[in-house]
C-alpha atoms as a PDB file:
ATOM      1  CA  MET A   1      -2.112 -22.139  -4.742  1.00  0.00           C
ATOM      2  CA  THR A   2      -1.342 -22.707  -8.152  1.00  0.00           C
ATOM      3  CA  GLY A   3      -5.238 -23.792  -9.369  1.00  0.00           C
ATOM      4  CA  GLN A   4      -7.060 -22.919  -6.762  1.00  0.00           C
ATOM      5  CA  THR A   5      -8.801 -19.824  -6.404  1.00  0.00           C
ATOM      6  CA  PHE A   6      -8.769 -17.612  -3.553  1.00  0.00           C
ATOM      7  CA  LYS A   7     -10.415 -14.760  -2.390  1.00  0.00           C
ATOM      8  CA  VAL A   8      -8.758 -11.502  -2.505  1.00  0.00           C
ATOM      9  CA  ALA A   9      -9.653  -6.715  -1.438  1.00  0.00           C
ATOM     10  CA  ALA A  10      -8.280  -3.964  -1.307  1.00  0.00           C
ATOM     11  CA  ALA A  11      -9.583  -2.245   2.226  1.00  0.00           C
ATOM     12  CA  GLN A  12     -11.068   0.810   0.748  1.00  0.00           C
ATOM     13  CA  PHE A  13     -10.922   3.242   3.909  1.00  0.00           C
ATOM     14  CA  ALA A  14     -10.201   6.309   6.052  1.00  0.00           C
ATOM     15  CA  PRO A  15      -8.796   5.825   9.344  1.00  0.00           C
ATOM     16  CA  VAL A  16      -9.074   8.091  12.657  1.00  0.00           C
ATOM     17  CA  PHE A  17      -7.336  10.207  11.092  1.00  0.00           C
ATOM     18  CA  LEU A  18      -3.602  11.312  12.948  1.00  0.00           C
ATOM     19  CA  ASP A  19      -4.600   8.908  15.933  1.00  0.00           C
ATOM     20  CA  ARG A  20      -3.280   5.393  15.607  1.00  0.00           C
ATOM     21  CA  ASP A  21      -4.500   3.776  18.085  1.00  0.00           C
ATOM     22  CA  GLU A  22      -8.200   4.591  17.033  1.00  0.00           C
ATOM     23  CA  SER A  23      -7.395   3.771  13.507  1.00  0.00           C
ATOM     24  CA  VAL A  24      -5.562   0.515  14.499  1.00  0.00           C
ATOM     25  CA  THR A  25      -8.946  -0.796  16.063  1.00  0.00           C
ATOM     26  CA  ARG A  26     -10.634   0.743  12.895  1.00  0.00           C
ATOM     27  CA  ALA A  27      -8.074  -1.494  11.485  1.00  0.00           C
ATOM     28  CA  CYS A  28      -8.557  -4.885  13.749  1.00  0.00           C
ATOM     29  CA  ASP A  29     -12.380  -3.971  12.706  1.00  0.00           C
ATOM     30  CA  ILE A  30     -11.651  -3.904   8.397  1.00  0.00           C
ATOM     31  CA  ILE A  31      -9.177  -7.307   9.406  1.00  0.00           C
ATOM     32  CA  ALA A  32     -12.095  -9.314  10.719  1.00  0.00           C
ATOM     33  CA  GLN A  33     -14.767  -7.461   8.220  1.00  0.00           C
ATOM     34  CA  ALA A  34     -12.571  -9.693   5.721  1.00  0.00           C
ATOM     35  CA  GLY A  35     -12.475 -12.638   7.522  1.00  0.00           C
ATOM     36  CA  ASP A  36     -15.619 -13.522   7.227  1.00  0.00           C
ATOM     37  CA  SER A  37     -16.527 -12.370   3.849  1.00  0.00           C
ATOM     38  CA  GLY A  38     -13.611 -15.423   3.252  1.00  0.00           C
ATOM     39  CA  VAL A  39     -10.731 -13.129   2.341  1.00  0.00           C
ATOM     40  CA  ARG A  40      -7.242 -14.857   2.443  1.00  0.00           C
ATOM     41  CA  LEU A  41      -5.396 -11.717   1.728  1.00  0.00           C
ATOM     42  CA  VAL A  42      -6.645  -7.631   2.475  1.00  0.00           C
ATOM     43  CA  VAL A  43      -4.301  -5.391   1.639  1.00  0.00           C
ATOM     44  CA  PHE A  44      -4.929  -1.629   3.472  1.00  0.00           C
ATOM     45  CA  PRO A  45      -4.271   1.522   1.988  1.00  0.00           C
ATOM     46  CA  GLU A  46      -0.796   3.922   1.802  1.00  0.00           C
ATOM     47  CA  SER A  47      -0.240   5.288   5.052  1.00  0.00           C
ATOM     48  CA  PHE A  48      -3.527   3.761   6.747  1.00  0.00           C
ATOM     49  CA  LEU A  49      -1.503   4.562   9.793  1.00  0.00           C
ATOM     50  CA  PRO A  50      -2.379   6.628  10.693  1.00  0.00           C
ATOM     51  CA  GLY A  51      -2.968   9.166   8.100  1.00  0.00           C
ATOM     52  CA  TYR A  52      -1.890   9.863   4.955  1.00  0.00           C
ATOM     53  CA  PRO A  53      -0.287  13.567   4.815  1.00  0.00           C
ATOM     54  CA  ASP A  54      -2.377  15.531   2.297  1.00  0.00           C
ATOM     55  CA  TRP A  55      -1.674  18.827   3.362  1.00  0.00           C
ATOM     56  CA  THR A  56       1.543  18.547   2.564  1.00  0.00           C
ATOM     57  CA  TRP A  57       0.334  19.434  -1.180  1.00  0.00           C
ATOM     58  CA  VAL A  58      -2.448  22.223   0.099  1.00  0.00           C
ATOM     59  CA  THR A  59      -0.420  24.246   2.539  1.00  0.00           C
ATOM     60  CA  PRO A  60       1.984  26.652   1.716  1.00  0.00           C
ATOM     61  CA  ASN A  61       5.837  26.239   3.339  1.00  0.00           C
ATOM     62  CA  TYR A  62       5.906  29.374   4.638  1.00  0.00           C
ATOM     63  CA  SER A  63       3.657  28.223   7.326  1.00  0.00           C
ATOM     64  CA  GLY A  64       6.259  26.955   9.462  1.00  0.00           C
ATOM     65  CA  THR A  65       4.254  26.692  12.515  1.00  0.00           C
ATOM     66  CA  GLN A  66       1.729  24.850  10.998  1.00  0.00           C
ATOM     67  CA  LEU A  67       3.783  22.079   9.384  1.00  0.00           C
ATOM     68  CA  ASP A  68       5.779  21.771  12.634  1.00  0.00           C
ATOM     69  CA  ALA A  69       2.860  20.149  14.110  1.00  0.00           C
ATOM     70  CA  LEU A  70       1.315  18.675  11.751  1.00  0.00           C
ATOM     71  CA  TYR A  71       4.385  16.993  11.514  1.00  0.00           C
ATOM     72  CA  SER A  72       4.861  16.520  15.448  1.00  0.00           C
ATOM     73  CA  ARG A  73       1.933  14.872  15.377  1.00  0.00           C
ATOM     74  CA  LEU A  74       2.377  12.193  12.472  1.00  0.00           C
ATOM     75  CA  VAL A  75       5.942  10.899  14.307  1.00  0.00           C
ATOM     76  CA  ASP A  76       4.017  10.558  17.360  1.00  0.00           C
ATOM     77  CA  ASN A  77       1.876   8.605  15.892  1.00  0.00           C
ATOM     78  CA  ALA A  78       3.476   7.094  13.361  1.00  0.00           C
ATOM     79  CA  ILE A  79       4.458   3.153  14.198  1.00  0.00           C
ATOM     80  CA  THR A  80       7.816   0.907  15.385  1.00  0.00           C
ATOM     81  CA  VAL A  81       7.602  -2.626  14.037  1.00  0.00           C
ATOM     82  CA  GLY A  82       7.407  -4.570  17.076  1.00  0.00           C
ATOM     83  CA  ASP A  83       5.314  -2.766  19.306  1.00  0.00           C
ATOM     84  CA  GLU A  84       2.018  -2.641  20.505  1.00  0.00           C
ATOM     85  CA  SER A  85       0.024  -0.914  17.189  1.00  0.00           C
ATOM     86  CA  THR A  86       2.576  -4.106  15.409  1.00  0.00           C
ATOM     87  CA  GLN A  87       1.233  -6.576  17.555  1.00  0.00           C
ATOM     88  CA  ARG A  88      -3.035  -5.691  17.241  1.00  0.00           C
ATOM     89  CA  LEU A  89      -2.946  -5.981  13.941  1.00  0.00           C
ATOM     90  CA  CYS A  90      -1.142  -9.385  14.303  1.00  0.00           C
ATOM     91  CA  ASP A  91      -3.886 -10.686  16.508  1.00  0.00           C
ATOM     92  CA  ALA A  92      -5.948  -9.946  13.735  1.00  0.00           C
ATOM     93  CA  ALA A  93      -4.691 -10.947  11.314  1.00  0.00           C
ATOM     94  CA  LYS A  94      -4.068 -14.245  13.417  1.00  0.00           C
ATOM     95  CA  LYS A  95      -7.340 -14.501  14.120  1.00  0.00           C
ATOM     96  CA  ALA A  96      -9.350 -13.601  10.760  1.00  0.00           C
ATOM     97  CA  LYS A  97      -6.425 -16.349   9.259  1.00  0.00           C
ATOM     98  CA  VAL A  98      -5.759 -13.794   6.591  1.00  0.00           C
ATOM     99  CA  TYR A  99      -2.344 -11.815   5.065  1.00  0.00           C
ATOM    100  CA  VAL A 100      -2.587  -7.905   6.241  1.00  0.00           C
ATOM    101  CA  VAL A 101      -0.414  -5.908   3.552  1.00  0.00           C
ATOM    102  CA  MET A 102      -1.358  -2.578   5.550  1.00  0.00           C
ATOM    103  CA  GLY A 103       0.732   0.796   4.846  1.00  0.00           C
ATOM    104  CA  VAL A 104       2.202   2.655   7.052  1.00  0.00           C
ATOM    105  CA  THR A 105       3.290   5.639   8.583  1.00  0.00           C
ATOM    106  CA  GLU A 106       6.874   3.984  10.690  1.00  0.00           C
ATOM    107  CA  ARG A 107       9.402   6.262  12.882  1.00  0.00           C
ATOM    108  CA  ASN A 108      13.423   5.567  12.564  1.00  0.00           C
ATOM    109  CA  ASP A 109      13.098   4.227  16.012  1.00  0.00           C
ATOM    110  CA  GLU A 110      16.952   2.386  14.694  1.00  0.00           C
ATOM    111  CA  ALA A 111      18.667   6.150  14.977  1.00  0.00           C
ATOM    112  CA  SER A 112      17.370   9.632  15.679  1.00  0.00           C
ATOM    113  CA  ASN A 113      13.853   7.819  15.928  1.00  0.00           C
ATOM    114  CA  SER A 114      12.381  11.655  14.762  1.00  0.00           C
ATOM    115  CA  SER A 115      11.915  10.891  10.756  1.00  0.00           C
ATOM    116  CA  VAL A 116       9.386   9.078   8.560  1.00  0.00           C
ATOM    117  CA  TYR A 117       9.634   6.195   6.452  1.00  0.00           C
ATOM    118  CA  ASN A 118       6.532   5.186   3.911  1.00  0.00           C
ATOM    119  CA  SER A 119       6.520   2.051   5.034  1.00  0.00           C
ATOM    120  CA  LEU A 120       4.446  -1.087   3.840  1.00  0.00           C
ATOM    121  CA  LEU A 121       4.540  -4.040   6.613  1.00  0.00           C
ATOM    122  CA  TYR A 122       3.429  -7.634   5.705  1.00  0.00           C
ATOM    123  CA  ILE A 123       1.945  -9.645   8.602  1.00  0.00           C
ATOM    124  CA  ASP A 124       0.961 -13.406   7.770  1.00  0.00           C
ATOM    125  CA  ASP A 125      -2.074 -15.236   8.971  1.00  0.00           C
ATOM    126  CA  ALA A 126      -0.805 -17.198  11.851  1.00  0.00           C
ATOM    127  CA  GLY A 127       0.033 -13.647  12.743  1.00  0.00           C
ATOM    128  CA  ALA A 128       3.624 -12.768  12.221  1.00  0.00           C
ATOM    129  CA  VAL A 129       5.457  -9.705  10.487  1.00  0.00           C
ATOM    130  CA  ILE A 130       7.260 -11.179   8.054  1.00  0.00           C
ATOM    131  CA  GLY A 131       8.254  -8.143   6.528  1.00  0.00           C
ATOM    132  CA  LYS A 132       8.126  -4.197   5.927  1.00  0.00           C
ATOM    133  CA  HIS A 133       8.780  -2.208   2.645  1.00  0.00           C
ATOM    134  CA  ARG A 134       9.995   1.167   3.034  1.00  0.00           C
ATOM    135  CA  LYS A 135       9.121   3.658  -0.303  1.00  0.00           C
ATOM    136  CA  LEU A 136      12.045   4.392  -1.904  1.00  0.00           C
ATOM    137  CA  VAL A 137      11.753   7.988  -3.393  1.00  0.00           C
ATOM    138  CA  PRO A 138       8.510  10.006  -1.763  1.00  0.00           C
ATOM    139  CA  THR A 139       6.762  12.008  -4.811  1.00  0.00           C
ATOM    140  CA  GLY A 140       6.861  15.545  -5.087  1.00  0.00           C
ATOM    141  CA  ALA A 141       6.068  17.534  -1.832  1.00  0.00           C
ATOM    142  CA  GLU A 142       6.041  14.162   0.514  1.00  0.00           C
ATOM    143  CA  ARG A 143       9.776  14.747   0.146  1.00  0.00           C
ATOM    144  CA  PHE A 144       8.923  17.360   3.371  1.00  0.00           C
ATOM    145  CA  VAL A 145       7.521  14.287   5.058  1.00  0.00           C
ATOM    146  CA  TRP A 146       8.594  10.760   4.479  1.00  0.00           C
ATOM    147  CA  ALA A 147      12.479   9.484   4.425  1.00  0.00           C
ATOM    148  CA  GLN A 148      14.273   7.348   1.015  1.00  0.00           C
ATOM    149  CA  GLY A 149      13.733   3.951   2.120  1.00  0.00           C
ATOM    150  CA  ASP A 150      16.507   1.973   0.576  1.00  0.00           C
ATOM    151  CA  GLY A 151      16.792  -1.215  -1.486  1.00  0.00           C
ATOM    152  CA  SER A 152      17.310  -3.219   1.186  1.00  0.00           C
ATOM    153  CA  THR A 153      13.103  -4.025   1.544  1.00  0.00           C
ATOM    154  CA  LEU A 154      13.025  -4.686  -1.620  1.00  0.00           C
ATOM    155  CA  ASP A 155      11.672  -8.070  -1.166  1.00  0.00           C
ATOM    156  CA  VAL A 156       9.222 -10.594  -2.361  1.00  0.00           C
ATOM    157  CA  HIS A 157       8.156 -12.985   0.146  1.00  0.00           C
ATOM    158  CA  ARG A 158       6.864 -16.702  -0.934  1.00  0.00           C
ATOM    159  CA  THR A 159       3.167 -17.732   0.870  1.00  0.00           C
ATOM    160  CA  PRO A 160       1.044 -20.498   0.892  1.00  0.00           C
ATOM    161  CA  ILE A 161      -0.870 -18.046  -1.032  1.00  0.00           C
ATOM    162  CA  GLY A 162       1.910 -16.537  -3.053  1.00  0.00           C
ATOM    163  CA  ARG A 163       4.472 -14.552  -3.983  1.00  0.00           C
ATOM    164  CA  ILE A 164       3.777 -10.880  -2.361  1.00  0.00           C
ATOM    165  CA  GLY A 165       5.826  -8.264  -3.256  1.00  0.00           C
ATOM    166  CA  GLY A 166       4.383  -4.401  -3.101  1.00  0.00           C
ATOM    167  CA  LEU A 167       5.641  -1.420  -3.950  1.00  0.00           C
ATOM    168  CA  VAL A 168       3.517   1.662  -2.454  1.00  0.00           C
ATOM    169  CA  CYS A 169       1.909   4.837  -4.654  1.00  0.00           C
ATOM    170  CA  TRP A 170       4.071   5.800  -7.595  1.00  0.00           C
ATOM    171  CA  GLU A 171       6.763   3.852  -6.954  1.00  0.00           C
ATOM    172  CA  ASN A 172       5.215   2.138  -9.045  1.00  0.00           C
ATOM    173  CA  LEU A 173       5.826   3.911 -11.829  1.00  0.00           C
ATOM    174  CA  MET A 174       9.649   3.347 -11.097  1.00  0.00           C
ATOM    175  CA  PRO A 175      10.998   0.120 -13.835  1.00  0.00           C
ATOM    176  CA  MET A 176      13.448  -0.664 -11.896  1.00  0.00           C
ATOM    177  CA  ALA A 177      11.513  -1.619  -8.543  1.00  0.00           C
ATOM    178  CA  ARG A 178       9.546  -3.589 -10.456  1.00  0.00           C
ATOM    179  CA  GLN A 179      11.776  -4.851 -12.254  1.00  0.00           C
ATOM    180  CA  SER A 180      13.365  -6.003  -8.760  1.00  0.00           C
ATOM    181  CA  LEU A 181       9.718  -7.760  -7.620  1.00  0.00           C
ATOM    182  CA  TYR A 182       9.733  -9.692 -11.726  1.00  0.00           C
ATOM    183  CA  ASN A 183      13.261 -11.186 -10.772  1.00  0.00           C
ATOM    184  CA  GLN A 184      11.845 -12.483  -7.384  1.00  0.00           C
ATOM    185  CA  GLY A 185       8.692 -14.327  -8.967  1.00  0.00           C
ATOM    186  CA  MET A 186       6.428 -11.915  -7.623  1.00  0.00           C
ATOM    187  CA  GLU A 187       2.903 -13.041  -8.554  1.00  0.00           C
ATOM    188  CA  ILE A 188       0.824  -9.997  -6.548  1.00  0.00           C
ATOM    189  CA  LEU A 189       1.450  -7.066  -6.189  1.00  0.00           C
ATOM    190  CA  ALA A 190       0.029  -4.586  -3.328  1.00  0.00           C
ATOM    191  CA  ALA A 191      -0.141  -1.478  -4.898  1.00  0.00           C
ATOM    192  CA  PRO A 192      -1.007   1.198  -1.631  1.00  0.00           C
ATOM    193  CA  THR A 193      -1.273   4.926  -3.649  1.00  0.00           C
ATOM    194  CA  TRP A 194      -2.755   7.805  -2.582  1.00  0.00           C
ATOM    195  CA  ASP A 195      -2.872   8.599  -6.391  1.00  0.00           C
ATOM    196  CA  LYS A 196      -7.124   7.967  -7.539  1.00  0.00           C
ATOM    197  CA  SER A 197      -6.872   9.574 -10.620  1.00  0.00           C
ATOM    198  CA  GLU A 198      -7.463   7.820 -14.596  1.00  0.00           C
ATOM    199  CA  ASN A 199      -3.755   8.032 -15.640  1.00  0.00           C
ATOM    200  CA  TRP A 200      -3.295   5.504 -12.570  1.00  0.00           C
ATOM    201  CA  ILE A 201      -5.339   2.839 -13.489  1.00  0.00           C
ATOM    202  CA  THR A 202      -3.830   3.177 -16.472  1.00  0.00           C
ATOM    203  CA  SER A 203      -0.679   2.071 -14.959  1.00  0.00           C
ATOM    204  CA  MET A 204      -1.698  -0.757 -12.876  1.00  0.00           C
ATOM    205  CA  LYS A 205      -3.836  -1.892 -15.899  1.00  0.00           C
ATOM    206  CA  HIS A 206      -0.172  -1.851 -17.442  1.00  0.00           C
ATOM    207  CA  ILE A 207       1.766  -3.213 -14.815  1.00  0.00           C
ATOM    208  CA  ALA A 208      -0.401  -6.199 -14.164  1.00  0.00           C
ATOM    209  CA  ARG A 209      -0.088  -7.179 -17.987  1.00  0.00           C
ATOM    210  CA  GLU A 210       3.661  -6.500 -17.901  1.00  0.00           C
ATOM    211  CA  GLY A 211       4.214  -8.624 -15.407  1.00  0.00           C
ATOM    212  CA  GLY A 212       1.775 -10.751 -15.500  1.00  0.00           C
ATOM    213  CA  VAL A 213       0.596 -10.188 -12.096  1.00  0.00           C
ATOM    214  CA  PHE A 214      -2.383  -9.484 -10.083  1.00  0.00           C
ATOM    215  CA  VAL A 215      -2.469  -5.804  -8.565  1.00  0.00           C
ATOM    216  CA  ILE A 216      -4.621  -4.672  -5.715  1.00  0.00           C
ATOM    217  CA  SER A 217      -4.388  -1.026  -6.143  1.00  0.00           C
ATOM    218  CA  CYS A 218      -6.131   0.019  -2.343  1.00  0.00           C
ATOM    219  CA  CYS A 219      -6.746   3.900  -2.093  1.00  0.00           C
ATOM    220  CA  THR A 220      -8.118   5.453   1.158  1.00  0.00           C
ATOM    221  CA  ALA A 221     -11.981   7.286   0.514  1.00  0.00           C
ATOM    222  CA  MET A 222     -12.087  10.483   2.929  1.00  0.00           C
ATOM    223  CA  ARG A 223     -14.565  12.260   3.298  1.00  0.00           C
ATOM    224  CA  MET A 224     -13.207  16.124   4.441  1.00  0.00           C
ATOM    225  CA  ASP A 225     -15.094  15.842   7.898  1.00  0.00           C
ATOM    226  CA  VAL A 226     -13.016  12.873   8.693  1.00  0.00           C
ATOM    227  CA  VAL A 227     -10.098  15.166   9.628  1.00  0.00           C
ATOM    228  CA  PRO A 228     -10.484  17.090  12.743  1.00  0.00           C
ATOM    229  CA  ASP A 229     -10.663  21.284  12.411  1.00  0.00           C
ATOM    230  CA  GLU A 230      -8.160  21.438  15.617  1.00  0.00           C
ATOM    231  CA  LEU A 231      -5.349  20.446  12.599  1.00  0.00           C
ATOM    232  CA  GLY A 232      -5.989  24.184  10.552  1.00  0.00           C
ATOM    233  CA  PHE A 233      -5.020  23.086   7.064  1.00  0.00           C
ATOM    234  CA  LYS A 234      -8.462  22.131   5.353  1.00  0.00           C
ATOM    235  CA  GLU A 235      -8.613  25.874   4.618  1.00  0.00           C
ATOM    236  CA  HIS A 236      -6.118  25.418   2.033  1.00  0.00           C
ATOM    237  CA  TYR A 237      -8.597  23.042  -0.187  1.00  0.00           C
ATOM    238  CA  PRO A 238     -10.668  25.257  -2.398  1.00  0.00           C
ATOM    239  CA  GLY A 239     -14.073  26.248  -2.383  1.00  0.00           C
ATOM    240  CA  GLU A 240     -17.219  23.607  -1.126  1.00  0.00           C
ATOM    241  CA  ARG A 241     -14.668  20.556  -1.051  1.00  0.00           C
ATOM    242  CA  GLU A 242     -16.210  16.721  -0.008  1.00  0.00           C
ATOM    243  CA  TRP A 243     -13.882  14.256  -0.604  1.00  0.00           C
ATOM    244  CA  ILE A 244     -10.127  14.924   0.074  1.00  0.00           C
ATOM    245  CA  ASN A 245      -9.965  11.583  -2.029  1.00  0.00           C
ATOM    246  CA  ALA A 246     -12.555   9.165  -3.670  1.00  0.00           C
ATOM    247  CA  GLY A 247     -10.382   6.046  -3.483  1.00  0.00           C
ATOM    248  CA  ASN A 248     -11.548   4.174  -6.925  1.00  0.00           C
ATOM    249  CA  SER A 249      -9.322   1.458  -5.318  1.00  0.00           C
ATOM    250  CA  CYS A 250      -9.257  -1.892  -8.217  1.00  0.00           C
ATOM    251  CA  ILE A 251      -8.546  -5.306  -8.536  1.00  0.00           C
ATOM    252  CA  ILE A 252      -6.684  -6.349 -11.688  1.00  0.00           C
ATOM    253  CA  ASN A 253      -5.722  -9.124 -13.224  1.00  0.00           C
ATOM    254  CA  PRO A 254      -2.440 -10.802 -14.726  1.00  0.00           C
ATOM    255  CA  LYS A 255      -4.215  -9.491 -18.774  1.00  0.00           C
ATOM    256  CA  GLY A 256      -4.003  -6.258 -17.381  1.00  0.00           C
ATOM    257  CA  GLN A 257      -8.519  -6.407 -17.093  1.00  0.00           C
ATOM    258  CA  VAL A 258      -9.667  -4.347 -14.232  1.00  0.00           C
ATOM    259  CA  ILE A 259     -12.009  -7.622 -12.552  1.00  0.00           C
ATOM    260  CA  ALA A 260     -13.272  -5.588  -8.993  1.00  0.00           C
ATOM    261  CA  GLY A 261     -13.482  -1.591  -8.553  1.00  0.00           C
ATOM    262  CA  PRO A 262     -13.075   1.136  -9.219  1.00  0.00           C
ATOM    263  CA  LEU A 263     -14.947   2.089  -5.920  1.00  0.00           C
ATOM    264  CA  SER A 264     -15.788   5.951  -5.899  1.00  0.00           C
ATOM    265  CA  GLU A 265     -16.801   7.931  -2.790  1.00  0.00           C
ATOM    266  CA  GLU A 266     -18.033   5.036  -0.649  1.00  0.00           C
ATOM    267  CA  GLU A 267     -15.932   2.872   1.326  1.00  0.00           C
ATOM    268  CA  GLY A 268     -15.536  -0.608   1.933  1.00  0.00           C
ATOM    269  CA  LEU A 269     -13.620  -3.852   0.864  1.00  0.00           C
ATOM    270  CA  VAL A 270     -13.197  -4.914  -2.932  1.00  0.00           C
ATOM    271  CA  THR A 271     -12.945  -7.663  -3.447  1.00  0.00           C
ATOM    272  CA  ALA A 272     -12.345 -10.337  -6.007  1.00  0.00           C
ATOM    273  CA  GLU A 273     -11.488 -14.159  -6.499  1.00  0.00           C
ATOM    274  CA  VAL A 274      -8.136 -14.641  -7.837  1.00  0.00           C
ATOM    275  CA  ASN A 275      -6.063 -17.463  -9.396  1.00  0.00           C
ATOM    276  CA  LEU A 276      -2.374 -18.074  -9.751  1.00  0.00           C
ATOM    277  CA  ALA A 277      -2.642 -20.469 -13.080  1.00  0.00           C
ATOM    278  CA  GLU A 278      -3.693 -16.592 -14.800  1.00  0.00           C
ATOM    279  CA  ASN A 279      -0.039 -15.839 -13.739  1.00  0.00           C
ATOM    280  CA  THR A 280       1.192 -18.794 -15.701  1.00  0.00           C
ATOM    281  CA  ALA A 281      -0.827 -18.225 -18.669  1.00  0.00           C
ATOM    282  CA  ALA A 282      -0.318 -15.063 -19.103  1.00  0.00           C
ATOM    283  CA  ARG A 283       3.565 -15.068 -19.240  1.00  0.00           C
ATOM    284  CA  ARG A 284       3.345 -17.921 -22.256  1.00  0.00           C
ATOM    285  CA  VAL A 285       3.806 -15.387 -24.486  1.00  0.00           C
ATOM    286  CA  PHE A 286       5.585 -12.502 -23.053  1.00  0.00           C
ATOM    287  CA  ASP A 287       7.925 -13.424 -19.507  1.00  0.00           C
ATOM    288  CA  VAL A 288       9.130 -10.097 -18.761  1.00  0.00           C
ATOM    289  CA  ALA A 289      11.901 -11.953 -16.134  1.00  0.00           C
ATOM    290  CA  GLY A 290      12.246 -15.245 -18.133  1.00  0.00           C
ATOM    291  CA  HIS A 291      12.121 -15.873 -21.897  1.00  0.00           C
ATOM    292  CA  TYR A 292      11.940 -12.512 -22.542  1.00  0.00           C
ATOM    293  CA  ALA A 293      14.147 -11.046 -20.106  1.00  0.00           C
ATOM    294  CA  ARG A 294      17.605 -11.424 -22.801  1.00  0.00           C
ATOM    295  CA  PRO A 295      19.889 -11.341 -19.852  1.00  0.00           C
ATOM    296  CA  ASP A 296      22.606 -11.310 -22.490  1.00  0.00           C
ATOM    297  CA  VAL A 297      21.865  -8.191 -23.502  1.00  0.00           C
ATOM    298  CA  PHE A 298      20.939  -6.679 -20.064  1.00  0.00           C
ATOM    299  CA  ASP A 299      22.641  -6.541 -16.491  1.00  0.00           C
ATOM    300  CA  PHE A 300      20.080  -5.869 -13.254  1.00  0.00           C
ATOM    301  CA  PHE A 301      21.674  -5.290  -9.752  1.00  0.00           C
ATOM    302  CA  VAL A 302      19.933  -4.300  -6.857  1.00  0.00           C
ATOM    303  CA  ARG A 303      21.747  -2.639  -3.993  1.00  0.00           C
ATOM    304  CA  ARG A 304      20.866  -4.336  -0.825  1.00  0.00           C
ATOM    305  CA  ARG A 305      23.686  -2.592   1.858  1.00  0.00           C
END
């Protein structure tokens, strides 16, 4: 697609919290909306399916009964690659002719079936799953929820619209994880996140410039009333809080310039026109995986077992 302009999007929406089936229905509707808008690639937020477990940041660890119930509900509503939920997403992507990067909580059905990963699911515009990535290190309190991924899923996917890679939230701050994707020629970085801060956007600008890549930073915009009262953990938030997360999704070009967004306290598609010729132009002076790599000085190795 180098030299051709096409549209990409960050889907800043809230799921139907901890309800996998209804959240998949909402995701399919958003994919259809993206396709109708001429979008070729749409990125969803971190753990859109079935919702980001923000309770782990606010619920005291001594509240074991509450935490157990929340974790059990999360696991029960997690996805496994190849299940009915995955197939519904694939069908939606095929019908809309859209590439999809979906943030999911993924159940470890290959083992105990009781642990979960913070994962990205890649679906092409023909409705096929072309890959997944499991977040290497859950951040802070997330370690009470998600297991650690490994190097076997640090992949960049070559597609007709470019080489697409992804890292989840603060995993993007890991220099070696980024380098592993740069070394595979990544052109578009999907960066699903829960971080809405100005510091996060600053980091995304740096990463776009560092890698000479387009960055699609996608966060959930979620009001307090999205969380069912029956789950209980809303009592731990301070004051009369209206928004659990304001979103601030944005799209950044290879020069580190924000070209769409940030969108705050509002749901919607954040869209931008991209042209991969800009990647090559940005790397003329600084190419982190090319003439600036210095393999005579540095060794780089990813353990993919």
